[in-house]
């Protein structure tokens, strides 16, 4: 009886330990003045550089992460990528690291479905000479390989946003 109780305890502790290791994929780092709203895919915050300099640096930061914005509006400092199709990867990483679209029999849907990403980044000037970055990162997935056409909404994990913010904060540190 005592061995059975120890075996059950070992299984419970092992499951708890593995669940803790699989927690959020977003690194627990200080985002500074940035606010991340996962439910709507919105990230906002201030950067130390002026708005024109931050806007000029955005395309290179996106390219390093594997995306190239298609719609560019320099007058309003907006970069957009509308319904950009991704299959299995974003850059060199699996899509499921950045987006949660549910799970199927073969694992995360983001890694087997076609994912249509919409990305909008806007930089506005603030009175203190800094800039405010507003980023929307949303997507939906379609099981095209499975012959279906229903759209499945995806939620961001925050990893893409975190990587972008980290790159921009390194280039434009806040004081």
C-alpha atoms as a PDB file:
ATOM      1  CA  UNK A   1       0.000   0.000   0.000  1.00  0.00           C
ATOM      2  CA  UNK A   2       2.816   2.363   0.851  1.00  0.00           C
ATOM      3  CA  UNK A   3       4.554   1.677  -2.487  1.00  0.00           C
ATOM      4  CA  UNK A   4       1.343   2.424  -4.373  1.00  0.00           C
ATOM      5  CA  UNK A   5       0.987   5.772  -2.583  1.00  0.00           C
ATOM      6  CA  UNK A   6       4.624   6.669  -3.421  1.00  0.00           C
ATOM      7  CA  UNK A   7       4.122   5.690  -7.061  1.00  0.00           C
ATOM      8  CA  UNK A   8       1.004   7.878  -7.352  1.00  0.00           C
ATOM      9  CA  UNK A   9       2.834  10.780  -5.718  1.00  0.00           C
ATOM     10  CA  UNK A  10       5.770  10.389  -8.132  1.00  0.00           C
ATOM     11  CA  UNK A  11       3.410  10.463 -11.136  1.00  0.00           C
ATOM     12  CA  UNK A  12       1.648  13.584  -9.856  1.00  0.00           C
ATOM     13  CA  UNK A  13       4.916  15.408  -9.155  1.00  0.00           C
ATOM     14  CA  UNK A  14       6.306  14.407 -12.553  1.00  0.00           C
ATOM     15  CA  UNK A  15       3.212  15.719 -14.352  1.00  0.00           C
ATOM     16  CA  UNK A  16       3.337  18.962 -12.368  1.00  0.00           C
ATOM     17  CA  UNK A  17       7.018  19.455 -13.192  1.00  0.00           C
ATOM     18  CA  UNK A  18       6.502  18.890 -16.951  1.00  0.00           C
ATOM     19  CA  UNK A  19       3.491  21.249 -16.980  1.00  0.00           C
ATOM     20  CA  UNK A  20       5.579  23.953 -15.328  1.00  0.00           C
ATOM     21  CA  UNK A  21       8.301  23.522 -17.946  1.00  0.00           C
ATOM     22  CA  UNK A  22       5.767  23.890 -20.789  1.00  0.00           C
ATOM     23  CA  UNK A  23       4.423  27.168 -19.440  1.00  0.00           C
ATOM     24  CA  UNK A  24       4.302  30.317 -21.546  1.00  0.00           C
ATOM     25  CA  UNK A  25       6.715  30.379 -24.506  1.00  0.00           C
ATOM     26  CA  UNK A  26       7.214  34.127 -23.988  1.00  0.00           C
ATOM     27  CA  UNK A  27      10.460  34.833 -22.153  1.00  0.00           C
ATOM     28  CA  UNK A  28       9.919  36.458 -18.769  1.00  0.00           C
ATOM     29  CA  UNK A  29      11.798  39.668 -19.516  1.00  0.00           C
ATOM     30  CA  UNK A  30      11.039  43.274 -18.765  1.00  0.00           C
ATOM     31  CA  UNK A  31       9.118  44.838 -21.647  1.00  0.00           C
ATOM     32  CA  UNK A  32       9.645  48.252 -20.065  1.00  0.00           C
ATOM     33  CA  UNK A  33       6.890  50.658 -21.044  1.00  0.00           C
ATOM     34  CA  UNK A  34       5.190  48.159 -23.383  1.00  0.00           C
ATOM     35  CA  UNK A  35       1.717  46.749 -22.821  1.00  0.00           C
ATOM     36  CA  UNK A  36       0.828  43.396 -24.397  1.00  0.00           C
ATOM     37  CA  UNK A  37      -2.865  42.548 -24.871  1.00  0.00           C
ATOM     38  CA  UNK A  38      -3.029  38.934 -26.064  1.00  0.00           C
ATOM     39  CA  UNK A  39      -6.805  38.803 -26.531  1.00  0.00           C
ATOM     40  CA  UNK A  40      -6.785  41.362 -29.341  1.00  0.00           C
ATOM     41  CA  UNK A  41      -3.176  40.910 -30.528  1.00  0.00           C
ATOM     42  CA  UNK A  42      -2.194  44.459 -29.619  1.00  0.00           C
ATOM     43  CA  UNK A  43       1.134  45.681 -28.285  1.00  0.00           C
ATOM     44  CA  UNK A  44       1.793  49.335 -27.450  1.00  0.00           C
ATOM     45  CA  UNK A  45       4.665  51.183 -25.860  1.00  0.00           C
ATOM     46  CA  UNK A  46       7.222  53.951 -26.035  1.00  0.00           C
ATOM     47  CA  UNK A  47      10.676  53.853 -27.561  1.00  0.00           C
ATOM     48  CA  UNK A  48      13.536  56.280 -26.976  1.00  0.00           C
ATOM     49  CA  UNK A  49      14.034  57.357 -30.616  1.00  0.00           C
ATOM     50  CA  UNK A  50      12.063  59.928 -32.556  1.00  0.00           C
ATOM     51  CA  UNK A  51       9.141  58.675 -34.633  1.00  0.00           C
ATOM     52  CA  UNK A  52      10.822  59.018 -38.042  1.00  0.00           C
ATOM     53  CA  UNK A  53      13.919  57.070 -36.935  1.00  0.00           C
ATOM     54  CA  UNK A  54      11.845  54.276 -35.371  1.00  0.00           C
ATOM     55  CA  UNK A  55       9.635  54.056 -38.479  1.00  0.00           C
ATOM     56  CA  UNK A  56      12.732  53.850 -40.689  1.00  0.00           C
ATOM     57  CA  UNK A  57      14.109  50.974 -38.552  1.00  0.00           C
ATOM     58  CA  UNK A  58      10.892  48.903 -38.595  1.00  0.00           C
ATOM     59  CA  UNK A  59      11.271  47.251 -42.051  1.00  0.00           C
ATOM     60  CA  UNK A  60      14.716  45.895 -41.154  1.00  0.00           C
ATOM     61  CA  UNK A  61      13.438  44.616 -37.790  1.00  0.00           C
ATOM     62  CA  UNK A  62      10.530  42.856 -39.520  1.00  0.00           C
ATOM     63  CA  UNK A  63      12.873  41.371 -42.129  1.00  0.00           C
ATOM     64  CA  UNK A  64      15.082  39.916 -39.376  1.00  0.00           C
ATOM     65  CA  UNK A  65      11.967  38.177 -38.010  1.00  0.00           C
ATOM     66  CA  UNK A  66      10.971  36.808 -41.430  1.00  0.00           C
ATOM     67  CA  UNK A  67       8.316  39.283 -42.625  1.00  0.00           C
ATOM     68  CA  UNK A  68       8.258  42.043 -45.238  1.00  0.00           C
ATOM     69  CA  UNK A  69       5.383  44.541 -44.939  1.00  0.00           C
ATOM     70  CA  UNK A  70       3.616  45.120 -48.277  1.00  0.00           C
ATOM     71  CA  UNK A  71       1.635  48.301 -47.584  1.00  0.00           C
ATOM     72  CA  UNK A  72       3.747  51.276 -46.597  1.00  0.00           C
ATOM     73  CA  UNK A  73       2.329  54.673 -45.612  1.00  0.00           C
ATOM     74  CA  UNK A  74       5.227  57.001 -44.712  1.00  0.00           C
ATOM     75  CA  UNK A  75       2.944  60.011 -44.173  1.00  0.00           C
ATOM     76  CA  UNK A  76       1.164  58.265 -41.285  1.00  0.00           C
ATOM     77  CA  UNK A  77       4.167  56.045 -40.363  1.00  0.00           C
ATOM     78  CA  UNK A  78       2.209  52.818 -40.932  1.00  0.00           C
ATOM     79  CA  UNK A  79       3.461  49.443 -42.184  1.00  0.00           C
ATOM     80  CA  UNK A  80       0.955  46.697 -43.024  1.00  0.00           C
ATOM     81  CA  UNK A  81       0.838  43.119 -44.122  1.00  0.00           C
ATOM     82  CA  UNK A  82      -2.719  41.977 -44.905  1.00  0.00           C
ATOM     83  CA  UNK A  83      -3.704  38.304 -45.051  1.00  0.00           C
ATOM     84  CA  UNK A  84      -0.163  37.164 -45.765  1.00  0.00           C
ATOM     85  CA  UNK A  85      -0.161  33.382 -46.210  1.00  0.00           C
ATOM     86  CA  UNK A  86       2.279  31.415 -44.084  1.00  0.00           C
ATOM     87  CA  UNK A  87       2.779  27.671 -44.183  1.00  0.00           C
ATOM     88  CA  UNK A  88       4.419  25.885 -41.238  1.00  0.00           C
ATOM     89  CA  UNK A  89       7.118  28.501 -40.526  1.00  0.00           C
ATOM     90  CA  UNK A  90       7.712  32.147 -39.780  1.00  0.00           C
ATOM     91  CA  UNK A  91      11.342  32.826 -40.507  1.00  0.00           C
ATOM     92  CA  UNK A  92      13.202  29.765 -39.253  1.00  0.00           C
ATOM     93  CA  UNK A  93      10.756  28.929 -36.449  1.00  0.00           C
ATOM     94  CA  UNK A  94       7.598  26.849 -36.410  1.00  0.00           C
ATOM     95  CA  UNK A  95       4.452  28.979 -36.616  1.00  0.00           C
ATOM     96  CA  UNK A  96       3.118  27.428 -33.417  1.00  0.00           C
ATOM     97  CA  UNK A  97       5.798  29.324 -31.486  1.00  0.00           C
ATOM     98  CA  UNK A  98       4.129  32.604 -32.483  1.00  0.00           C
ATOM     99  CA  UNK A  99       0.471  31.660 -32.959  1.00  0.00           C
ATOM    100  CA  UNK A 100      -1.950  29.353 -31.191  1.00  0.00           C
ATOM    101  CA  UNK A 101      -4.629  28.081 -33.581  1.00  0.00           C
ATOM    102  CA  UNK A 102      -5.693  25.049 -31.577  1.00  0.00           C
ATOM    103  CA  UNK A 103      -4.486  21.464 -31.781  1.00  0.00           C
ATOM    104  CA  UNK A 104      -5.428  18.618 -34.070  1.00  0.00           C
ATOM    105  CA  UNK A 105      -4.488  14.966 -34.353  1.00  0.00           C
ATOM    106  CA  UNK A 106      -1.141  15.907 -35.909  1.00  0.00           C
ATOM    107  CA  UNK A 107      -0.239  18.545 -33.304  1.00  0.00           C
ATOM    108  CA  UNK A 108      -0.619  22.334 -33.406  1.00  0.00           C
ATOM    109  CA  UNK A 109      -2.882  23.510 -36.244  1.00  0.00           C
ATOM    110  CA  UNK A 110      -0.565  26.450 -36.943  1.00  0.00           C
ATOM    111  CA  UNK A 111       2.079  23.976 -38.113  1.00  0.00           C
ATOM    112  CA  UNK A 112      -0.169  22.095 -40.565  1.00  0.00           C
ATOM    113  CA  UNK A 113      -2.857  24.584 -41.706  1.00  0.00           C
ATOM    114  CA  UNK A 114      -2.426  27.601 -43.963  1.00  0.00           C
ATOM    115  CA  UNK A 115      -2.192  30.648 -41.702  1.00  0.00           C
ATOM    116  CA  UNK A 116      -3.236  34.090 -42.932  1.00  0.00           C
ATOM    117  CA  UNK A 117      -1.443  36.779 -40.956  1.00  0.00           C
ATOM    118  CA  UNK A 118      -2.432  40.417 -40.648  1.00  0.00           C
ATOM    119  CA  UNK A 119       0.153  42.761 -39.187  1.00  0.00           C
ATOM    120  CA  UNK A 120      -0.138  46.508 -38.673  1.00  0.00           C
ATOM    121  CA  UNK A 121       2.522  48.704 -37.104  1.00  0.00           C
ATOM    122  CA  UNK A 122       2.107  52.419 -36.535  1.00  0.00           C
ATOM    123  CA  UNK A 123       4.622  54.836 -35.040  1.00  0.00           C
ATOM    124  CA  UNK A 124       3.441  58.169 -33.643  1.00  0.00           C
ATOM    125  CA  UNK A 125       5.435  60.996 -32.137  1.00  0.00           C
ATOM    126  CA  UNK A 126       5.004  61.839 -28.459  1.00  0.00           C
ATOM    127  CA  UNK A 127       5.453  65.291 -26.890  1.00  0.00           C
ATOM    128  CA  UNK A 128       8.609  64.200 -25.040  1.00  0.00           C
ATOM    129  CA  UNK A 129      10.528  63.458 -28.279  1.00  0.00           C
ATOM    130  CA  UNK A 130      10.029  59.710 -28.066  1.00  0.00           C
ATOM    131  CA  UNK A 131       7.772  57.572 -30.191  1.00  0.00           C
ATOM    132  CA  UNK A 132       4.774  55.373 -29.516  1.00  0.00           C
ATOM    133  CA  UNK A 133       4.653  52.019 -31.313  1.00  0.00           C
ATOM    134  CA  UNK A 134       1.272  50.340 -31.802  1.00  0.00           C
ATOM    135  CA  UNK A 135       1.402  46.828 -33.218  1.00  0.00           C
ATOM    136  CA  UNK A 136      -1.494  44.538 -34.162  1.00  0.00           C
ATOM    137  CA  UNK A 137      -0.579  40.886 -34.824  1.00  0.00           C
ATOM    138  CA  UNK A 138      -3.586  38.717 -35.718  1.00  0.00           C
ATOM    139  CA  UNK A 139      -4.197  35.626 -37.833  1.00  0.00           C
ATOM    140  CA  UNK A 140      -6.613  32.936 -38.816  1.00  0.00           C
ATOM    141  CA  UNK A 141      -5.961  29.411 -40.067  1.00  0.00           C
ATOM    142  CA  UNK A 142      -7.602  27.311 -42.778  1.00  0.00           C
ATOM    143  CA  UNK A 143      -7.211  23.560 -43.141  1.00  0.00           C
ATOM    144  CA  UNK A 144      -6.475  23.732 -46.884  1.00  0.00           C
ATOM    145  CA  UNK A 145      -4.386  20.509 -46.850  1.00  0.00           C
ATOM    146  CA  UNK A 146      -7.396  18.741 -45.284  1.00  0.00           C
ATOM    147  CA  UNK A 147      -9.781  20.103 -47.926  1.00  0.00           C
ATOM    148  CA  UNK A 148     -11.707  22.422 -45.615  1.00  0.00           C
ATOM    149  CA  UNK A 149     -12.422  26.139 -45.969  1.00  0.00           C
ATOM    150  CA  UNK A 150     -13.591  27.124 -42.473  1.00  0.00           C
ATOM    151  CA  UNK A 151     -11.509  29.826 -40.830  1.00  0.00           C
ATOM    152  CA  UNK A 152     -10.166  29.234 -37.358  1.00  0.00           C
ATOM    153  CA  UNK A 153      -9.052  32.303 -35.351  1.00  0.00           C
ATOM    154  CA  UNK A 154      -5.519  32.246 -33.951  1.00  0.00           C
ATOM    155  CA  UNK A 155      -4.183  33.956 -30.844  1.00  0.00           C
ATOM    156  CA  UNK A 156      -0.685  35.331 -30.557  1.00  0.00           C
ATOM    157  CA  UNK A 157       1.702  33.806 -28.041  1.00  0.00           C
ATOM    158  CA  UNK A 158       3.520  37.140 -27.675  1.00  0.00           C
ATOM    159  CA  UNK A 159       6.866  35.805 -28.842  1.00  0.00           C
ATOM    160  CA  UNK A 160       6.897  37.723 -32.148  1.00  0.00           C
ATOM    161  CA  UNK A 161       5.983  40.950 -30.389  1.00  0.00           C
ATOM    162  CA  UNK A 162       8.581  40.359 -27.694  1.00  0.00           C
ATOM    163  CA  UNK A 163      11.335  39.767 -30.246  1.00  0.00           C
ATOM    164  CA  UNK A 164      10.382  42.897 -32.178  1.00  0.00           C
ATOM    165  CA  UNK A 165      10.230  45.052 -29.065  1.00  0.00           C
ATOM    166  CA  UNK A 166      13.578  43.690 -27.864  1.00  0.00           C
ATOM    167  CA  UNK A 167      15.221  44.553 -31.211  1.00  0.00           C
ATOM    168  CA  UNK A 168      13.790  48.058 -31.192  1.00  0.00           C
ATOM    169  CA  UNK A 169      14.630  48.675 -27.523  1.00  0.00           C
ATOM    170  CA  UNK A 170      18.248  47.679 -28.210  1.00  0.00           C
ATOM    171  CA  UNK A 171      18.414  50.214 -31.033  1.00  0.00           C
ATOM    172  CA  UNK A 172      16.404  52.950 -29.285  1.00  0.00           C
ATOM    173  CA  UNK A 173      16.926  52.587 -25.532  1.00  0.00           C
ATOM    174  CA  UNK A 174      14.650  54.576 -23.238  1.00  0.00           C
ATOM    175  CA  UNK A 175      16.202  56.670 -20.536  1.00  0.00           C
END
